[in-house]
Amino acid sequence: MKSILHQLKSISQFILLFSLIFTSIHGTRGLIAELNDRNFDKTIKDDDRWVIQFYSKECKLCEKFRPHLEKLADLPEKEFGFLLKFGVVDINENPHLVSRFLATRVPQYYVIDKKRVYSFTAVQTYQYMFEFLKYRRWKLFPLREGLSDPFSKM
């Protein structure tokens, strides 16, 4: 019995340690990734779909919508019909990404659909955002192209 308890304790400690290491390396908080100037290009893959919120710790609207963003990130893939990842970028700590995305206000939202970038700001409610994502309404917004494309090679 003591042997089993000792093994369970060791396994629990390993899982906790692994979780802490993984979180610190990848910057993941729940199902929302903390994206930054260092990890962005390694994290966003060619065939990924992402919702990214540029925020500031001082932004009351960002803070108010955060629980909705977390709830959306917790939804299973079948709710949207495709895999959708969520990330946040702190504008005060990531000047390169702010410049690259031309993020001029907070909260500023971007959908990255296979490295095609759509920008939008008008998010009122959880239901609005859910339907916006589920029905891919981001495609109704202008596609960021040319010099304004954050993935441009220019």
C-alpha atoms as a PDB file:
ATOM      1  CA  MET A   1       0.000   0.000   0.000  1.00  0.00           C
ATOM      2  CA  LYS A   2       2.813   2.438   0.858  1.00  0.00           C
ATOM      3  CA  SER A   3       4.468   1.605  -2.445  1.00  0.00           C
ATOM      4  CA  ILE A   4       1.323   2.491  -4.389  1.00  0.00           C
ATOM      5  CA  LEU A   5       0.899   5.764  -2.485  1.00  0.00           C
ATOM      6  CA  HIS A   6       4.540   6.623  -3.101  1.00  0.00           C
ATOM      7  CA  GLN A   7       4.131   5.923  -6.832  1.00  0.00           C
ATOM      8  CA  LEU A   8       0.974   8.030  -7.013  1.00  0.00           C
ATOM      9  CA  LYS A   9       2.746  10.886  -5.247  1.00  0.00           C
ATOM     10  CA  SER A  10       5.679  10.633  -7.669  1.00  0.00           C
ATOM     11  CA  ILE A  11       3.346  10.598 -10.674  1.00  0.00           C
ATOM     12  CA  SER A  12       1.444  13.621  -9.333  1.00  0.00           C
ATOM     13  CA  GLN A  13       4.678  15.531  -8.806  1.00  0.00           C
ATOM     14  CA  PHE A  14       5.844  14.661 -12.324  1.00  0.00           C
ATOM     15  CA  ILE A  15       2.566  15.844 -13.863  1.00  0.00           C
ATOM     16  CA  LEU A  16       2.698  19.094 -11.900  1.00  0.00           C
ATOM     17  CA  LEU A  17       6.328  19.701 -12.875  1.00  0.00           C
ATOM     18  CA  PHE A  18       5.627  18.897 -16.538  1.00  0.00           C
ATOM     19  CA  SER A  19       2.631  21.270 -16.557  1.00  0.00           C
ATOM     20  CA  LEU A  20       4.674  24.095 -15.062  1.00  0.00           C
ATOM     21  CA  ILE A  21       7.525  23.593 -17.531  1.00  0.00           C
ATOM     22  CA  PHE A  22       5.176  23.319 -20.525  1.00  0.00           C
ATOM     23  CA  THR A  23       3.290  26.446 -19.484  1.00  0.00           C
ATOM     24  CA  SER A  24       6.442  28.490 -19.005  1.00  0.00           C
ATOM     25  CA  ILE A  25       7.874  27.392 -22.363  1.00  0.00           C
ATOM     26  CA  HIS A  26       4.733  27.740 -24.446  1.00  0.00           C
ATOM     27  CA  GLY A  27       3.035  30.556 -22.544  1.00  0.00           C
ATOM     28  CA  THR A  28      -0.275  28.753 -22.414  1.00  0.00           C
ATOM     29  CA  ARG A  29      -2.867  29.816 -19.894  1.00  0.00           C
ATOM     30  CA  GLY A  30      -5.806  27.441 -20.032  1.00  0.00           C
ATOM     31  CA  LEU A  31      -6.675  27.143 -23.690  1.00  0.00           C
ATOM     32  CA  ILE A  32      -5.546  30.675 -24.489  1.00  0.00           C
ATOM     33  CA  ALA A  33      -1.916  31.052 -25.555  1.00  0.00           C
ATOM     34  CA  GLU A  34       0.079  34.050 -24.357  1.00  0.00           C
ATOM     35  CA  LEU A  35       1.698  35.066 -27.634  1.00  0.00           C
ATOM     36  CA  ASN A  36       4.708  37.338 -27.640  1.00  0.00           C
ATOM     37  CA  ASP A  37       7.499  38.674 -29.834  1.00  0.00           C
ATOM     38  CA  ARG A  38       9.595  35.565 -29.136  1.00  0.00           C
ATOM     39  CA  ASN A  39       7.112  32.711 -29.569  1.00  0.00           C
ATOM     40  CA  PHE A  40       4.671  34.035 -32.186  1.00  0.00           C
ATOM     41  CA  ASP A  41       6.292  32.724 -35.381  1.00  0.00           C
ATOM     42  CA  LYS A  42       7.056  29.344 -33.815  1.00  0.00           C
ATOM     43  CA  THR A  43       3.493  29.006 -32.539  1.00  0.00           C
ATOM     44  CA  ILE A  44       1.415  30.031 -35.575  1.00  0.00           C
ATOM     45  CA  LYS A  45       1.551  27.293 -38.225  1.00  0.00           C
ATOM     46  CA  ASP A  46       0.600  27.572 -41.914  1.00  0.00           C
ATOM     47  CA  ASP A  47      -2.678  25.665 -41.620  1.00  0.00           C
ATOM     48  CA  ASP A  48      -3.823  27.021 -38.244  1.00  0.00           C
ATOM     49  CA  ARG A  49      -6.851  29.146 -37.474  1.00  0.00           C
ATOM     50  CA  TRP A  50      -6.424  31.562 -34.576  1.00  0.00           C
ATOM     51  CA  VAL A  51      -8.395  34.252 -32.809  1.00  0.00           C
ATOM     52  CA  ILE A  52      -5.987  36.740 -31.284  1.00  0.00           C
ATOM     53  CA  GLN A  53      -6.835  39.568 -28.936  1.00  0.00           C
ATOM     54  CA  PHE A  54      -4.388  42.439 -28.564  1.00  0.00           C
ATOM     55  CA  TYR A  55      -4.992  43.824 -25.101  1.00  0.00           C
ATOM     56  CA  SER A  56      -3.626  46.014 -22.364  1.00  0.00           C
ATOM     57  CA  LYS A  57      -3.803  45.293 -18.649  1.00  0.00           C
ATOM     58  CA  GLU A  58      -5.325  48.763 -18.206  1.00  0.00           C
ATOM     59  CA  CYS A  59      -8.110  48.119 -20.753  1.00  0.00           C
ATOM     60  CA  LYS A  60     -11.492  47.665 -19.041  1.00  0.00           C
ATOM     61  CA  LEU A  61     -13.171  46.348 -22.220  1.00  0.00           C
ATOM     62  CA  CYS A  62     -10.425  43.735 -22.610  1.00  0.00           C
ATOM     63  CA  GLU A  63     -10.900  42.659 -19.011  1.00  0.00           C
ATOM     64  CA  LYS A  64     -14.681  42.567 -19.393  1.00  0.00           C
ATOM     65  CA  PHE A  65     -14.585  40.346 -22.488  1.00  0.00           C
ATOM     66  CA  ARG A  66     -11.838  38.004 -21.213  1.00  0.00           C
ATOM     67  CA  PRO A  67     -14.251  35.473 -19.579  1.00  0.00           C
ATOM     68  CA  HIS A  68     -16.128  35.222 -22.897  1.00  0.00           C
ATOM     69  CA  LEU A  69     -12.864  34.604 -24.742  1.00  0.00           C
ATOM     70  CA  GLU A  70     -11.969  31.878 -22.236  1.00  0.00           C
ATOM     71  CA  LYS A  71     -15.413  30.299 -22.619  1.00  0.00           C
ATOM     72  CA  LEU A  72     -15.020  30.284 -26.418  1.00  0.00           C
ATOM     73  CA  ALA A  73     -11.563  28.751 -26.107  1.00  0.00           C
ATOM     74  CA  ASP A  74     -13.009  25.950 -23.961  1.00  0.00           C
ATOM     75  CA  LEU A  75     -15.512  24.908 -26.636  1.00  0.00           C
ATOM     76  CA  PRO A  76     -14.833  21.617 -28.430  1.00  0.00           C
ATOM     77  CA  GLU A  77     -13.853  21.652 -32.098  1.00  0.00           C
ATOM     78  CA  LYS A  78     -17.284  20.341 -33.137  1.00  0.00           C
ATOM     79  CA  GLU A  79     -18.945  23.578 -31.940  1.00  0.00           C
ATOM     80  CA  PHE A  80     -17.223  25.528 -34.713  1.00  0.00           C
ATOM     81  CA  GLY A  81     -16.829  22.700 -37.218  1.00  0.00           C
ATOM     82  CA  PHE A  82     -13.084  23.325 -37.408  1.00  0.00           C
ATOM     83  CA  LEU A  83     -10.136  23.624 -35.044  1.00  0.00           C
ATOM     84  CA  LEU A  84      -9.797  27.140 -33.695  1.00  0.00           C
ATOM     85  CA  LYS A  85      -7.017  28.273 -31.375  1.00  0.00           C
ATOM     86  CA  PHE A  86      -7.037  31.342 -29.160  1.00  0.00           C
ATOM     87  CA  GLY A  87      -4.245  33.686 -28.167  1.00  0.00           C
ATOM     88  CA  VAL A  88      -3.637  37.050 -26.544  1.00  0.00           C
ATOM     89  CA  VAL A  89      -0.901  39.642 -27.032  1.00  0.00           C
ATOM     90  CA  ASP A  90      -0.094  42.259 -24.393  1.00  0.00           C
ATOM     91  CA  ILE A  91       0.553  45.448 -26.374  1.00  0.00           C
ATOM     92  CA  ASN A  92       2.762  46.921 -23.649  1.00  0.00           C
ATOM     93  CA  GLU A  93       5.211  44.023 -23.722  1.00  0.00           C
ATOM     94  CA  ASN A  94       5.300  43.123 -27.437  1.00  0.00           C
ATOM     95  CA  PRO A  95       6.143  46.165 -29.563  1.00  0.00           C
ATOM     96  CA  HIS A  96       7.246  44.065 -32.540  1.00  0.00           C
ATOM     97  CA  LEU A  97       3.858  42.331 -32.838  1.00  0.00           C
ATOM     98  CA  VAL A  98       2.002  45.614 -32.294  1.00  0.00           C
ATOM     99  CA  SER A  99       3.950  47.134 -35.185  1.00  0.00           C
ATOM    100  CA  ARG A 100       3.659  44.038 -37.366  1.00  0.00           C
ATOM    101  CA  PHE A 101      -0.136  43.867 -36.946  1.00  0.00           C
ATOM    102  CA  LEU A 102      -0.618  47.651 -36.940  1.00  0.00           C
ATOM    103  CA  ALA A 103      -2.607  47.256 -33.726  1.00  0.00           C
ATOM    104  CA  THR A 104      -3.684  50.807 -32.959  1.00  0.00           C
ATOM    105  CA  ARG A 105      -6.351  50.247 -30.280  1.00  0.00           C
ATOM    106  CA  VAL A 106      -7.413  47.750 -27.665  1.00  0.00           C
ATOM    107  CA  PRO A 107      -9.098  45.484 -27.663  1.00  0.00           C
ATOM    108  CA  GLN A 108      -8.158  44.656 -31.229  1.00  0.00           C
ATOM    109  CA  TYR A 109      -9.076  41.240 -32.588  1.00  0.00           C
ATOM    110  CA  TYR A 110      -7.563  39.310 -35.453  1.00  0.00           C
ATOM    111  CA  VAL A 111      -8.537  36.045 -37.052  1.00  0.00           C
ATOM    112  CA  ILE A 112      -5.648  34.258 -38.681  1.00  0.00           C
ATOM    113  CA  ASP A 113      -7.054  31.768 -41.171  1.00  0.00           C
ATOM    114  CA  LYS A 114      -4.180  29.778 -42.654  1.00  0.00           C
ATOM    115  CA  LYS A 115      -1.928  32.855 -42.427  1.00  0.00           C
ATOM    116  CA  ARG A 116      -4.551  35.131 -43.982  1.00  0.00           C
ATOM    117  CA  VAL A 117      -5.298  37.886 -41.488  1.00  0.00           C
ATOM    118  CA  TYR A 118      -8.630  39.604 -40.834  1.00  0.00           C
ATOM    119  CA  SER A 119      -8.974  42.458 -38.339  1.00  0.00           C
ATOM    120  CA  PHE A 120     -12.061  43.517 -36.399  1.00  0.00           C
ATOM    121  CA  THR A 121     -12.913  45.463 -33.258  1.00  0.00           C
ATOM    122  CA  ALA A 122     -16.685  45.355 -32.729  1.00  0.00           C
ATOM    123  CA  VAL A 123     -17.269  42.529 -30.286  1.00  0.00           C
ATOM    124  CA  GLN A 124     -20.245  43.037 -28.010  1.00  0.00           C
ATOM    125  CA  THR A 125     -21.276  39.704 -26.545  1.00  0.00           C
ATOM    126  CA  TYR A 126     -20.325  36.073 -26.245  1.00  0.00           C
ATOM    127  CA  GLN A 127     -23.155  35.089 -28.614  1.00  0.00           C
ATOM    128  CA  TYR A 128     -22.028  37.628 -31.228  1.00  0.00           C
ATOM    129  CA  MET A 129     -18.456  36.334 -31.124  1.00  0.00           C
ATOM    130  CA  PHE A 130     -19.563  32.686 -31.153  1.00  0.00           C
ATOM    131  CA  GLU A 131     -21.684  33.182 -34.289  1.00  0.00           C
ATOM    132  CA  PHE A 132     -19.001  35.377 -35.860  1.00  0.00           C
ATOM    133  CA  LEU A 133     -16.530  32.523 -35.515  1.00  0.00           C
ATOM    134  CA  LYS A 134     -18.847  29.581 -36.205  1.00  0.00           C
ATOM    135  CA  TYR A 135     -20.137  31.063 -39.459  1.00  0.00           C
ATOM    136  CA  ARG A 136     -16.714  32.442 -40.443  1.00  0.00           C
ATOM    137  CA  ARG A 137     -18.019  35.980 -40.648  1.00  0.00           C
ATOM    138  CA  TRP A 138     -14.465  37.267 -40.401  1.00  0.00           C
ATOM    139  CA  LYS A 139     -14.340  36.664 -44.170  1.00  0.00           C
ATOM    140  CA  LEU A 140     -16.728  39.619 -44.543  1.00  0.00           C
ATOM    141  CA  PHE A 141     -13.973  41.900 -43.222  1.00  0.00           C
ATOM    142  CA  PRO A 142     -11.099  43.129 -45.392  1.00  0.00           C
ATOM    143  CA  LEU A 143      -8.200  40.741 -45.774  1.00  0.00           C
ATOM    144  CA  ARG A 144      -4.876  42.237 -44.694  1.00  0.00           C
ATOM    145  CA  GLU A 145      -2.737  42.153 -47.842  1.00  0.00           C
ATOM    146  CA  GLY A 146       0.502  43.610 -49.143  1.00  0.00           C
ATOM    147  CA  LEU A 147       2.443  45.732 -46.686  1.00  0.00           C
ATOM    148  CA  SER A 148      -0.304  45.489 -44.052  1.00  0.00           C
ATOM    149  CA  ASP A 149      -0.130  41.669 -44.047  1.00  0.00           C
ATOM    150  CA  PRO A 150       1.710  40.595 -40.859  1.00  0.00           C
ATOM    151  CA  PHE A 151       3.039  37.531 -42.712  1.00  0.00           C
ATOM    152  CA  SER A 152       4.196  39.477 -45.786  1.00  0.00           C
ATOM    153  CA  LYS A 153       7.732  38.772 -46.972  1.00  0.00           C
ATOM    154  CA  MET A 154       8.113  42.392 -48.160  1.00  0.00           C
END
